[in-house]
């Protein structure tokens, strides 16, 4: 009886954790495609860190999830005849619908290295 009670508690917890992990991985893939395909086509993309996939507190029904992502873009800058590579760090919030499609991205910080 104790084993059955234990399994009744543990199995839903594992299922929920697996669902969240899968959703986070799909969100990371969609963010990378969005950054390289729509935002920065000419720069070299290097992911730095991802935040936790969370549900928003806003009352916008179209937004189901959001994630914070920090990444670096390396761009070539030309000054006269000299070419320099400049790396910029960006921190963006990506908002997703219930099918994990990126709806929008908001920037709240960027800096040069």
PDB file of N, CA and C in Angstrom:
ATOM      1  N   UNK A   1       0.813  -1.191   0.000  1.00  0.00           N
ATOM      2  CA  UNK A   1       0.000   0.000   0.000  1.00  0.00           C
ATOM      3  C   UNK A   1       0.861   1.261   0.000  1.00  0.00           C
ATOM      4  N   UNK A   2       1.965   1.236   0.758  1.00  0.00           N
ATOM      5  CA  UNK A   2       2.854   2.392   0.800  1.00  0.00           C
ATOM      6  C   UNK A   2       3.493   2.637  -0.551  1.00  0.00           C
ATOM      7  N   UNK A   3       3.838   1.560  -1.253  1.00  0.00           N
ATOM      8  CA  UNK A   3       4.444   1.699  -2.579  1.00  0.00           C
ATOM      9  C   UNK A   3       3.458   2.306  -3.563  1.00  0.00           C
ATOM     10  N   UNK A   4       2.211   1.897  -3.497  1.00  0.00           N
ATOM     11  CA  UNK A   4       1.188   2.429  -4.387  1.00  0.00           C
ATOM     12  C   UNK A   4       0.962   3.913  -4.127  1.00  0.00           C
ATOM     13  N   UNK A   5       0.915   4.302  -2.881  1.00  0.00           N
ATOM     14  CA  UNK A   5       0.763   5.710  -2.531  1.00  0.00           C
ATOM     15  C   UNK A   5       1.972   6.521  -2.993  1.00  0.00           C
ATOM     16  N   UNK A   6       3.162   5.962  -2.778  1.00  0.00           N
ATOM     17  CA  UNK A   6       4.390   6.623  -3.226  1.00  0.00           C
ATOM     18  C   UNK A   6       4.382   6.830  -4.745  1.00  0.00           C
ATOM     19  N   UNK A   7       4.016   5.794  -5.497  1.00  0.00           N
ATOM     20  CA  UNK A   7       3.965   5.890  -6.960  1.00  0.00           C
ATOM     21  C   UNK A   7       2.891   6.875  -7.419  1.00  0.00           C
ATOM     22  N   UNK A   8       1.779   6.928  -6.699  1.00  0.00           N
ATOM     23  CA  UNK A   8       0.709   7.863  -7.062  1.00  0.00           C
ATOM     24  C   UNK A   8       1.159   9.314  -6.906  1.00  0.00           C
ATOM     25  N   UNK A   9       2.099   9.551  -6.029  1.00  0.00           N
ATOM     26  CA  UNK A   9       2.615  10.906  -5.828  1.00  0.00           C
ATOM     27  C   UNK A   9       3.775  11.198  -6.774  1.00  0.00           C
ATOM     28  N   UNK A  10       4.652  10.238  -6.977  1.00  0.00           N
ATOM     29  CA  UNK A  10       5.888  10.453  -7.730  1.00  0.00           C
ATOM     30  C   UNK A  10       5.663  10.497  -9.245  1.00  0.00           C
ATOM     31  N   UNK A  11       4.817   9.643  -9.769  1.00  0.00           N
ATOM     32  CA  UNK A  11       4.626   9.579 -11.226  1.00  0.00           C
ATOM     33  C   UNK A  11       4.121  10.900 -11.803  1.00  0.00           C
ATOM     34  N   UNK A  12       3.110  11.561 -11.231  1.00  0.00           N
ATOM     35  CA  UNK A  12       2.711  12.873 -11.784  1.00  0.00           C
ATOM     36  C   UNK A  12       3.817  13.924 -11.703  1.00  0.00           C
ATOM     37  N   UNK A  13       4.625  13.865 -10.665  1.00  0.00           N
ATOM     38  CA  UNK A  13       5.720  14.831 -10.545  1.00  0.00           C
ATOM     39  C   UNK A  13       6.743  14.629 -11.656  1.00  0.00           C
ATOM     40  N   UNK A  14       7.088  13.378 -11.960  1.00  0.00           N
ATOM     41  CA  UNK A  14       8.024  13.103 -13.053  1.00  0.00           C
ATOM     42  C   UNK A  14       7.446  13.496 -14.399  1.00  0.00           C
ATOM     43  N   UNK A  15       6.159  13.251 -14.608  1.00  0.00           N
ATOM     44  CA  UNK A  15       5.525  13.618 -15.873  1.00  0.00           C
ATOM     45  C   UNK A  15       5.525  15.130 -16.062  1.00  0.00           C
ATOM     46  N   UNK A  16       5.245  15.856 -14.996  1.00  0.00           N
ATOM     47  CA  UNK A  16       5.250  17.312 -15.073  1.00  0.00           C
ATOM     48  C   UNK A  16       6.652  17.848 -15.343  1.00  0.00           C
ATOM     49  N   UNK A  17       7.648  17.267 -14.700  1.00  0.00           N
ATOM     50  CA  UNK A  17       9.027  17.703 -14.907  1.00  0.00           C
ATOM     51  C   UNK A  17       9.477  17.435 -16.339  1.00  0.00           C
ATOM     52  N   UNK A  18       9.094  16.296 -16.896  1.00  0.00           N
ATOM     53  CA  UNK A  18       9.461  15.971 -18.273  1.00  0.00           C
ATOM     54  C   UNK A  18       8.771  16.918 -19.253  1.00  0.00           C
ATOM     55  N   UNK A  19       7.527  17.263 -18.999  1.00  0.00           N
ATOM     56  CA  UNK A  19       6.795  18.201 -19.848  1.00  0.00           C
ATOM     57  C   UNK A  19       7.486  19.561 -19.850  1.00  0.00           C
ATOM     58  N   UNK A  20       7.864  20.040 -18.678  1.00  0.00           N
ATOM     59  CA  UNK A  20       8.536  21.338 -18.560  1.00  0.00           C
ATOM     60  C   UNK A  20       9.899  21.307 -19.253  1.00  0.00           C
ATOM     61  N   UNK A  21      10.646  20.217 -19.111  1.00  0.00           N
ATOM     62  CA  UNK A  21      11.960  20.093 -19.740  1.00  0.00           C
ATOM     63  C   UNK A  21      11.823  20.083 -21.264  1.00  0.00           C
ATOM     64  N   UNK A  22      10.849  19.360 -21.779  1.00  0.00           N
ATOM     65  CA  UNK A  22      10.636  19.312 -23.222  1.00  0.00           C
ATOM     66  C   UNK A  22      10.213  20.680 -23.763  1.00  0.00           C
ATOM     67  N   UNK A  23       9.353  21.366 -23.036  1.00  0.00           N
ATOM     68  CA  UNK A  23       8.919  22.696 -23.462  1.00  0.00           C
ATOM     69  C   UNK A  23      10.088  23.674 -23.457  1.00  0.00           C
ATOM     70  N   UNK A  24      10.972  23.566 -22.483  1.00  0.00           N
ATOM     71  CA  UNK A  24      12.142  24.440 -22.415  1.00  0.00           C
ATOM     72  C   UNK A  24      13.085  24.184 -23.579  1.00  0.00           C
ATOM     73  N   UNK A  25      13.309  22.924 -23.917  1.00  0.00           N
ATOM     74  CA  UNK A  25      14.179  22.601 -25.053  1.00  0.00           C
ATOM     75  C   UNK A  25      13.591  23.113 -26.364  1.00  0.00           C
ATOM     76  N   UNK A  26      12.279  22.955 -26.548  1.00  0.00           N
ATOM     77  CA  UNK A  26      11.629  23.470 -27.754  1.00  0.00           C
ATOM     78  C   UNK A  26      11.718  24.992 -27.802  1.00  0.00           C
ATOM     79  N   UNK A  27      11.554  25.650 -26.667  1.00  0.00           N
ATOM     80  CA  UNK A  27      11.671  27.108 -26.609  1.00  0.00           C
ATOM     81  C   UNK A  27      13.071  27.556 -26.995  1.00  0.00           C
ATOM     82  N   UNK A  28      14.100  26.863 -26.517  1.00  0.00           N
ATOM     83  CA  UNK A  28      15.482  27.217 -26.858  1.00  0.00           C
ATOM     84  C   UNK A  28      15.729  27.074 -28.356  1.00  0.00           C
ATOM     85  N   UNK A  29      15.226  26.004 -28.963  1.00  0.00           N
ATOM     86  CA  UNK A  29      15.381  25.819 -30.404  1.00  0.00           C
ATOM     87  C   UNK A  29      14.676  26.922 -31.182  1.00  0.00           C
ATOM     88  N   UNK A  30      13.468  27.263 -30.761  1.00  0.00           N
ATOM     89  CA  UNK A  30      12.709  28.307 -31.452  1.00  0.00           C
ATOM     90  C   UNK A  30      13.352  29.679 -31.287  1.00  0.00           C
ATOM     91  N   UNK A  31      13.927  29.941 -30.131  1.00  0.00           N
ATOM     92  CA  UNK A  31      14.622  31.208 -29.903  1.00  0.00           C
ATOM     93  C   UNK A  31      15.838  31.312 -30.810  1.00  0.00           C
ATOM     94  N   UNK A  32      16.610  30.241 -30.901  1.00  0.00           N
ATOM     95  CA  UNK A  32      17.800  30.262 -31.759  1.00  0.00           C
ATOM     96  C   UNK A  32      17.422  30.488 -33.218  1.00  0.00           C
ATOM     97  N   UNK A  33      16.383  29.829 -33.700  1.00  0.00           N
ATOM     98  CA  UNK A  33      15.918  30.044 -35.071  1.00  0.00           C
ATOM     99  C   UNK A  33      15.453  31.484 -35.279  1.00  0.00           C
ATOM    100  N   UNK A  34      14.758  32.040 -34.299  1.00  0.00           N
ATOM    101  CA  UNK A  34      14.254  33.405 -34.391  1.00  0.00           C
ATOM    102  C   UNK A  34      15.396  34.411 -34.442  1.00  0.00           C
ATOM    103  N   UNK A  35      16.407  34.221 -33.579  1.00  0.00           N
ATOM    104  CA  UNK A  35      17.538  35.146 -33.527  1.00  0.00           C
ATOM    105  C   UNK A  35      18.339  35.086 -34.820  1.00  0.00           C
ATOM    106  N   UNK A  36      18.664  33.889 -35.285  1.00  0.00           N
ATOM    107  CA  UNK A  36      19.496  33.763 -36.487  1.00  0.00           C
ATOM    108  C   UNK A  36      18.707  34.006 -37.767  1.00  0.00           C
ATOM    109  N   UNK A  37      17.416  33.789 -37.763  1.00  0.00           N
ATOM    110  CA  UNK A  37      16.630  33.953 -38.977  1.00  0.00           C
ATOM    111  C   UNK A  37      15.997  35.318 -39.151  1.00  0.00           C
ATOM    112  N   UNK A  38      15.598  35.952 -38.061  1.00  0.00           N
ATOM    113  CA  UNK A  38      14.866  37.213 -38.180  1.00  0.00           C
ATOM    114  C   UNK A  38      15.597  38.425 -37.618  1.00  0.00           C
ATOM    115  N   UNK A  39      16.312  38.262 -36.524  1.00  0.00           N
ATOM    116  CA  UNK A  39      16.919  39.423 -35.882  1.00  0.00           C
ATOM    117  C   UNK A  39      18.314  39.742 -36.396  1.00  0.00           C
ATOM    118  N   UNK A  40      19.218  38.763 -36.387  1.00  0.00           N
ATOM    119  CA  UNK A  40      20.622  38.990 -36.740  1.00  0.00           C
ATOM    120  C   UNK A  40      21.045  37.984 -37.810  1.00  0.00           C
ATOM    121  N   UNK A  41      20.807  38.312 -39.041  1.00  0.00           N
ATOM    122  CA  UNK A  41      21.154  37.393 -40.138  1.00  0.00           C
ATOM    123  C   UNK A  41      22.633  37.441 -40.487  1.00  0.00           C
ATOM    124  N   UNK A  42      23.275  38.586 -40.324  1.00  0.00           N
ATOM    125  CA  UNK A  42      24.659  38.753 -40.775  1.00  0.00           C
ATOM    126  C   UNK A  42      25.695  38.518 -39.686  1.00  0.00           C
ATOM    127  N   UNK A  43      25.294  38.432 -38.448  1.00  0.00           N
ATOM    128  CA  UNK A  43      26.249  38.277 -37.354  1.00  0.00           C
ATOM    129  C   UNK A  43      26.421  36.827 -36.940  1.00  0.00           C
ATOM    130  N   UNK A  44      27.486  36.585 -36.217  1.00  0.00           N
ATOM    131  CA  UNK A  44      27.766  35.260 -35.689  1.00  0.00           C
ATOM    132  C   UNK A  44      27.104  35.135 -34.313  1.00  0.00           C
ATOM    133  N   UNK A  45      26.201  34.194 -34.166  1.00  0.00           N
ATOM    134  CA  UNK A  45      25.399  34.009 -32.952  1.00  0.00           C
ATOM    135  C   UNK A  45      26.081  33.018 -32.011  1.00  0.00           C
ATOM    136  N   UNK A  46      26.210  33.410 -30.726  1.00  0.00           N
ATOM    137  CA  UNK A  46      26.755  32.523 -29.702  1.00  0.00           C
ATOM    138  C   UNK A  46      25.871  32.620 -28.460  1.00  0.00           C
ATOM    139  N   UNK A  47      25.149  31.553 -28.131  1.00  0.00           N
ATOM    140  CA  UNK A  47      24.308  31.607 -26.931  1.00  0.00           C
ATOM    141  C   UNK A  47      25.166  31.660 -25.673  1.00  0.00           C
ATOM    142  N   UNK A  48      24.751  32.462 -24.704  1.00  0.00           N
ATOM    143  CA  UNK A  48      25.474  32.579 -23.439  1.00  0.00           C
ATOM    144  C   UNK A  48      24.688  31.874 -22.333  1.00  0.00           C
ATOM    145  N   UNK A  49      23.421  32.250 -22.159  1.00  0.00           N
ATOM    146  CA  UNK A  49      22.613  31.602 -21.122  1.00  0.00           C
ATOM    147  C   UNK A  49      21.130  31.750 -21.435  1.00  0.00           C
ATOM    148  N   UNK A  50      20.366  30.840 -20.873  1.00  0.00           N
ATOM    149  CA  UNK A  50      18.913  30.875 -20.957  1.00  0.00           C
ATOM    150  C   UNK A  50      18.352  30.947 -19.551  1.00  0.00           C
ATOM    151  N   UNK A  51      17.282  31.674 -19.408  1.00  0.00           N
ATOM    152  CA  UNK A  51      16.597  31.723 -18.129  1.00  0.00           C
ATOM    153  C   UNK A  51      15.603  30.583 -18.039  1.00  0.00           C
ATOM    154  N   UNK A  52      14.768  30.653 -17.044  1.00  0.00           N
ATOM    155  CA  UNK A  52      13.761  29.625 -16.831  1.00  0.00           C
ATOM    156  C   UNK A  52      12.509  29.956 -17.637  1.00  0.00           C
ATOM    157  N   UNK A  53      11.892  28.945 -18.207  1.00  0.00           N
ATOM    158  CA  UNK A  53      10.643  29.107 -18.934  1.00  0.00           C
ATOM    159  C   UNK A  53       9.526  29.304 -17.917  1.00  0.00           C
ATOM    160  N   UNK A  54       8.869  30.467 -17.972  1.00  0.00           N
ATOM    161  CA  UNK A  54       7.851  30.787 -16.978  1.00  0.00           C
ATOM    162  C   UNK A  54       6.593  31.307 -17.646  1.00  0.00           C
ATOM    163  N   UNK A  55       5.511  31.295 -16.895  1.00  0.00           N
ATOM    164  CA  UNK A  55       4.248  31.840 -17.378  1.00  0.00           C
ATOM    165  C   UNK A  55       4.161  33.302 -16.966  1.00  0.00           C
ATOM    166  N   UNK A  56       3.646  34.157 -17.833  1.00  0.00           N
ATOM    167  CA  UNK A  56       3.589  35.588 -17.515  1.00  0.00           C
ATOM    168  C   UNK A  56       2.477  35.916 -16.518  1.00  0.00           C
ATOM    169  N   UNK A  57       2.649  37.036 -15.852  1.00  0.00           N
ATOM    170  CA  UNK A  57       1.628  37.512 -14.912  1.00  0.00           C
ATOM    171  C   UNK A  57       0.687  38.513 -15.578  1.00  0.00           C
ATOM    172  N   UNK A  58       0.960  38.812 -16.847  1.00  0.00           N
ATOM    173  CA  UNK A  58       0.139  39.774 -17.591  1.00  0.00           C
ATOM    174  C   UNK A  58      -1.218  39.156 -17.919  1.00  0.00           C
ATOM    175  N   UNK A  59      -2.111  39.990 -18.365  1.00  0.00           N
ATOM    176  CA  UNK A  59      -3.437  39.523 -18.748  1.00  0.00           C
ATOM    177  C   UNK A  59      -3.581  39.379 -20.257  1.00  0.00           C
ATOM    178  N   UNK A  60      -2.485  39.156 -20.962  1.00  0.00           N
ATOM    179  CA  UNK A  60      -2.525  38.962 -22.410  1.00  0.00           C
ATOM    180  C   UNK A  60      -2.777  37.486 -22.696  1.00  0.00           C
ATOM    181  N   UNK A  61      -3.939  37.129 -23.233  1.00  0.00           N
ATOM    182  CA  UNK A  61      -4.252  35.712 -23.440  1.00  0.00           C
ATOM    183  C   UNK A  61      -3.434  35.048 -24.549  1.00  0.00           C
ATOM    184  N   UNK A  62      -2.823  35.831 -25.431  1.00  0.00           N
ATOM    185  CA  UNK A  62      -2.050  35.229 -26.515  1.00  0.00           C
ATOM    186  C   UNK A  62      -0.679  34.747 -26.049  1.00  0.00           C
ATOM    187  N   UNK A  63      -0.172  35.277 -24.923  1.00  0.00           N
ATOM    188  CA  UNK A  63       1.142  34.895 -24.406  1.00  0.00           C
ATOM    189  C   UNK A  63       0.970  33.813 -23.352  1.00  0.00           C
ATOM    190  N   UNK A  64       1.572  32.646 -23.610  1.00  0.00           N
ATOM    191  CA  UNK A  64       1.478  31.531 -22.674  1.00  0.00           C
ATOM    192  C   UNK A  64       2.756  31.356 -21.864  1.00  0.00           C
ATOM    193  N   UNK A  65       3.916  31.692 -22.447  1.00  0.00           N
ATOM    194  CA  UNK A  65       5.212  31.481 -21.797  1.00  0.00           C
ATOM    195  C   UNK A  65       6.152  32.619 -22.162  1.00  0.00           C
ATOM    196  N   UNK A  66       7.217  32.784 -21.373  1.00  0.00           N
ATOM    197  CA  UNK A  66       8.319  33.646 -21.776  1.00  0.00           C
ATOM    198  C   UNK A  66       9.606  33.097 -21.193  1.00  0.00           C
ATOM    199  N   UNK A  67      10.730  33.471 -21.845  1.00  0.00           N
ATOM    200  CA  UNK A  67      12.048  33.035 -21.410  1.00  0.00           C
ATOM    201  C   UNK A  67      13.030  34.170 -21.656  1.00  0.00           C
ATOM    202  N   UNK A  68      13.977  34.314 -20.741  1.00  0.00           N
ATOM    203  CA  UNK A  68      15.044  35.299 -20.906  1.00  0.00           C
ATOM    204  C   UNK A  68      16.233  34.602 -21.550  1.00  0.00           C
ATOM    205  N   UNK A  69      16.852  35.273 -22.517  1.00  0.00           N
ATOM    206  CA  UNK A  69      17.994  34.684 -23.213  1.00  0.00           C
ATOM    207  C   UNK A  69      19.096  35.728 -23.345  1.00  0.00           C
ATOM    208  N   UNK A  70      20.310  35.327 -23.005  1.00  0.00           N
ATOM    209  CA  UNK A  70      21.483  36.180 -23.139  1.00  0.00           C
ATOM    210  C   UNK A  70      22.375  35.556 -24.208  1.00  0.00           C
ATOM    211  N   UNK A  71      22.782  36.360 -25.193  1.00  0.00           N
ATOM    212  CA  UNK A  71      23.600  35.846 -26.280  1.00  0.00           C
ATOM    213  C   UNK A  71      24.528  36.930 -26.799  1.00  0.00           C
ATOM    214  N   UNK A  72      25.528  36.498 -27.555  1.00  0.00           N
ATOM    215  CA  UNK A  72      26.508  37.421 -28.135  1.00  0.00           C
ATOM    216  C   UNK A  72      26.418  37.354 -29.651  1.00  0.00           C
ATOM    217  N   UNK A  73      26.533  38.502 -30.287  1.00  0.00           N
ATOM    218  CA  UNK A  73      26.565  38.612 -31.743  1.00  0.00           C
ATOM    219  C   UNK A  73      27.890  39.275 -32.111  1.00  0.00           C
ATOM    220  N   UNK A  74      28.645  38.621 -32.986  1.00  0.00           N
ATOM    221  CA  UNK A  74      29.906  39.174 -33.467  1.00  0.00           C
ATOM    222  C   UNK A  74      29.664  39.760 -34.850  1.00  0.00           C
ATOM    223  N   UNK A  75      29.953  41.040 -34.998  1.00  0.00           N
ATOM    224  CA  UNK A  75      29.753  41.749 -36.260  1.00  0.00           C
ATOM    225  C   UNK A  75      31.070  42.348 -36.717  1.00  0.00           C
ATOM    226  N   UNK A  76      31.241  42.485 -38.014  1.00  0.00           N
ATOM    227  CA  UNK A  76      32.437  43.111 -38.582  1.00  0.00           C
ATOM    228  C   UNK A  76      32.152  44.601 -38.775  1.00  0.00           C
ATOM    229  N   UNK A  77      33.006  45.441 -38.216  1.00  0.00           N
ATOM    230  CA  UNK A  77      32.908  46.891 -38.372  1.00  0.00           C
ATOM    231  C   UNK A  77      34.084  47.361 -39.215  1.00  0.00           C
ATOM    232  N   UNK A  78      33.800  48.186 -40.207  1.00  0.00           N
ATOM    233  CA  UNK A  78      34.839  48.713 -41.080  1.00  0.00           C
ATOM    234  C   UNK A  78      35.047  50.188 -40.768  1.00  0.00           C
ATOM    235  N   UNK A  79      36.278  50.539 -40.444  1.00  0.00           N
ATOM    236  CA  UNK A  79      36.643  51.937 -40.236  1.00  0.00           C
ATOM    237  C   UNK A  79      37.788  52.244 -41.194  1.00  0.00           C
ATOM    238  N   UNK A  80      37.445  52.870 -42.294  1.00  0.00           N
ATOM    239  CA  UNK A  80      38.454  53.145 -43.324  1.00  0.00           C
ATOM    240  C   UNK A  80      38.835  51.848 -44.023  1.00  0.00           C
ATOM    241  N   UNK A  81      40.092  51.446 -43.927  1.00  0.00           N
ATOM    242  CA  UNK A  81      40.548  50.193 -44.528  1.00  0.00           C
ATOM    243  C   UNK A  81      40.680  49.089 -43.475  1.00  0.00           C
ATOM    244  N   UNK A  82      40.457  49.427 -42.235  1.00  0.00           N
ATOM    245  CA  UNK A  82      40.633  48.465 -41.151  1.00  0.00           C
ATOM    246  C   UNK A  82      39.302  47.790 -40.811  1.00  0.00           C
ATOM    247  N   UNK A  83      39.320  46.451 -40.698  1.00  0.00           N
ATOM    248  CA  UNK A  83      38.130  45.694 -40.320  1.00  0.00           C
ATOM    249  C   UNK A  83      38.333  45.138 -38.914  1.00  0.00           C
ATOM    250  N   UNK A  84      37.394  45.419 -38.044  1.00  0.00           N
ATOM    251  CA  UNK A  84      37.431  44.926 -36.679  1.00  0.00           C
ATOM    252  C   UNK A  84      36.168  44.132 -36.402  1.00  0.00           C
ATOM    253  N   UNK A  85      36.318  43.105 -35.591  1.00  0.00           N
ATOM    254  CA  UNK A  85      35.134  42.365 -35.157  1.00  0.00           C
ATOM    255  C   UNK A  85      34.726  42.891 -33.784  1.00  0.00           C
ATOM    256  N   UNK A  86      33.456  43.182 -33.666  1.00  0.00           N
ATOM    257  CA  UNK A  86      32.899  43.730 -32.436  1.00  0.00           C
ATOM    258  C   UNK A  86      31.860  42.740 -31.926  1.00  0.00           C
ATOM    259  N   UNK A  87      31.977  42.398 -30.641  1.00  0.00           N
ATOM    260  CA  UNK A  87      31.028  41.470 -30.053  1.00  0.00           C
ATOM    261  C   UNK A  87      30.110  42.229 -29.108  1.00  0.00           C
ATOM    262  N   UNK A  88      28.806  42.071 -29.327  1.00  0.00           N
ATOM    263  CA  UNK A  88      27.805  42.714 -28.484  1.00  0.00           C
ATOM    264  C   UNK A  88      27.034  41.638 -27.735  1.00  0.00           C
ATOM    265  N   UNK A  89      26.777  41.907 -26.466  1.00  0.00           N
ATOM    266  CA  UNK A  89      25.975  41.019 -25.630  1.00  0.00           C
ATOM    267  C   UNK A  89      24.555  41.578 -25.578  1.00  0.00           C
ATOM    268  N   UNK A  90      23.577  40.725 -25.802  1.00  0.00           N
ATOM    269  CA  UNK A  90      22.170  41.108 -25.757  1.00  0.00           C
ATOM    270  C   UNK A  90      21.446  40.250 -24.729  1.00  0.00           C
ATOM    271  N   UNK A  91      20.491  40.857 -24.064  1.00  0.00           N
ATOM    272  CA  UNK A  91      19.572  40.136 -23.183  1.00  0.00           C
ATOM    273  C   UNK A  91      18.173  40.447 -23.671  1.00  0.00           C
ATOM    274  N   UNK A  92      17.468  39.418 -24.085  1.00  0.00           N
ATOM    275  CA  UNK A  92      16.129  39.591 -24.635  1.00  0.00           C
ATOM    276  C   UNK A  92      15.132  38.703 -23.902  1.00  0.00           C
ATOM    277  N   UNK A  93      13.907  39.154 -23.832  1.00  0.00           N
ATOM    278  CA  UNK A  93      12.791  38.340 -23.371  1.00  0.00           C
ATOM    279  C   UNK A  93      12.033  37.875 -24.600  1.00  0.00           C
ATOM    280  N   UNK A  94      11.813  36.590 -24.705  1.00  0.00           N
ATOM    281  CA  UNK A  94      11.063  36.023 -25.820  1.00  0.00           C
ATOM    282  C   UNK A  94       9.728  35.523 -25.301  1.00  0.00           C
ATOM    283  N   UNK A  95       8.649  35.907 -25.979  1.00  0.00           N
ATOM    284  CA  UNK A  95       7.301  35.523 -25.591  1.00  0.00           C
ATOM    285  C   UNK A  95       6.777  34.486 -26.575  1.00  0.00           C
ATOM    286  N   UNK A  96       6.116  33.459 -26.044  1.00  0.00           N
ATOM    287  CA  UNK A  96       5.626  32.335 -26.845  1.00  0.00           C
ATOM    288  C   UNK A  96       4.118  32.188 -26.696  1.00  0.00           C
ATOM    289  N   UNK A  97       3.501  31.618 -27.740  1.00  0.00           N
ATOM    290  CA  UNK A  97       2.103  31.239 -27.630  1.00  0.00           C
ATOM    291  C   UNK A  97       2.021  29.832 -27.051  1.00  0.00           C
ATOM    292  N   UNK A  98       0.827  29.255 -27.019  1.00  0.00           N
ATOM    293  CA  UNK A  98       0.668  27.940 -26.406  1.00  0.00           C
ATOM    294  C   UNK A  98       1.294  26.809 -27.228  1.00  0.00           C
ATOM    295  N   UNK A  99       1.644  27.077 -28.490  1.00  0.00           N
ATOM    296  CA  UNK A  99       2.319  26.080 -29.334  1.00  0.00           C
ATOM    297  C   UNK A  99       3.822  26.318 -29.408  1.00  0.00           C
ATOM    298  N   UNK A 100       4.335  27.165 -28.530  1.00  0.00           N
ATOM    299  CA  UNK A 100       5.758  27.489 -28.400  1.00  0.00           C
ATOM    300  C   UNK A 100       6.331  28.204 -29.618  1.00  0.00           C
ATOM    301  N   UNK A 101       5.500  28.936 -30.349  1.00  0.00           N
ATOM    302  CA  UNK A 101       5.978  29.799 -31.427  1.00  0.00           C
ATOM    303  C   UNK A 101       6.329  31.158 -30.834  1.00  0.00           C
ATOM    304  N   UNK A 102       7.425  31.752 -31.301  1.00  0.00           N
ATOM    305  CA  UNK A 102       7.844  33.052 -30.785  1.00  0.00           C
ATOM    306  C   UNK A 102       6.878  34.118 -31.290  1.00  0.00           C
ATOM    307  N   UNK A 103       6.272  34.842 -30.365  1.00  0.00           N
ATOM    308  CA  UNK A 103       5.368  35.929 -30.727  1.00  0.00           C
ATOM    309  C   UNK A 103       6.103  37.253 -30.856  1.00  0.00           C
ATOM    310  N   UNK A 104       6.967  37.533 -29.882  1.00  0.00           N
ATOM    311  CA  UNK A 104       7.716  38.786 -29.913  1.00  0.00           C
ATOM    312  C   UNK A 104       8.945  38.658 -29.026  1.00  0.00           C
ATOM    313  N   UNK A 105       9.849  39.614 -29.208  1.00  0.00           N
ATOM    314  CA  UNK A 105      11.064  39.684 -28.397  1.00  0.00           C
ATOM    315  C   UNK A 105      11.218  41.113 -27.906  1.00  0.00           C
ATOM    316  N   UNK A 106      11.607  41.257 -26.653  1.00  0.00           N
ATOM    317  CA  UNK A 106      11.835  42.575 -26.065  1.00  0.00           C
ATOM    318  C   UNK A 106      13.253  42.651 -25.542  1.00  0.00           C
ATOM    319  N   UNK A 107      13.925  43.735 -25.882  1.00  0.00           N
ATOM    320  CA  UNK A 107      15.280  43.961 -25.386  1.00  0.00           C
ATOM    321  C   UNK A 107      15.202  44.827 -24.152  1.00  0.00           C
ATOM    322  N   UNK A 108      16.007  44.479 -23.153  1.00  0.00           N
ATOM    323  CA  UNK A 108      16.066  45.329 -21.978  1.00  0.00           C
ATOM    324  C   UNK A 108      17.489  45.612 -21.550  1.00  0.00           C
ATOM    325  N   UNK A 109      18.498  45.104 -22.293  1.00  0.00           N
ATOM    326  CA  UNK A 109      19.889  45.404 -21.960  1.00  0.00           C
ATOM    327  C   UNK A 109      20.794  44.961 -23.099  1.00  0.00           C
ATOM    328  N   UNK A 110      21.800  45.771 -23.419  1.00  0.00           N
ATOM    329  CA  UNK A 110      22.846  45.367 -24.356  1.00  0.00           C
ATOM    330  C   UNK A 110      24.122  46.123 -24.003  1.00  0.00           C
ATOM    331  N   UNK A 111      25.257  45.510 -24.312  1.00  0.00           N
ATOM    332  CA  UNK A 111      26.536  46.162 -24.030  1.00  0.00           C
ATOM    333  C   UNK A 111      27.598  45.633 -24.961  1.00  0.00           C
ATOM    334  N   UNK A 112      28.680  46.364 -25.083  1.00  0.00           N
ATOM    335  CA  UNK A 112      29.829  45.938 -25.888  1.00  0.00           C
ATOM    336  C   UNK A 112      30.833  45.230 -24.993  1.00  0.00           C
ATOM    337  N   UNK A 113      31.524  44.241 -25.552  1.00  0.00           N
ATOM    338  CA  UNK A 113      32.608  43.591 -24.817  1.00  0.00           C
ATOM    339  C   UNK A 113      33.925  44.191 -25.188  1.00  0.00           C
TER     340      UNK A 113
END
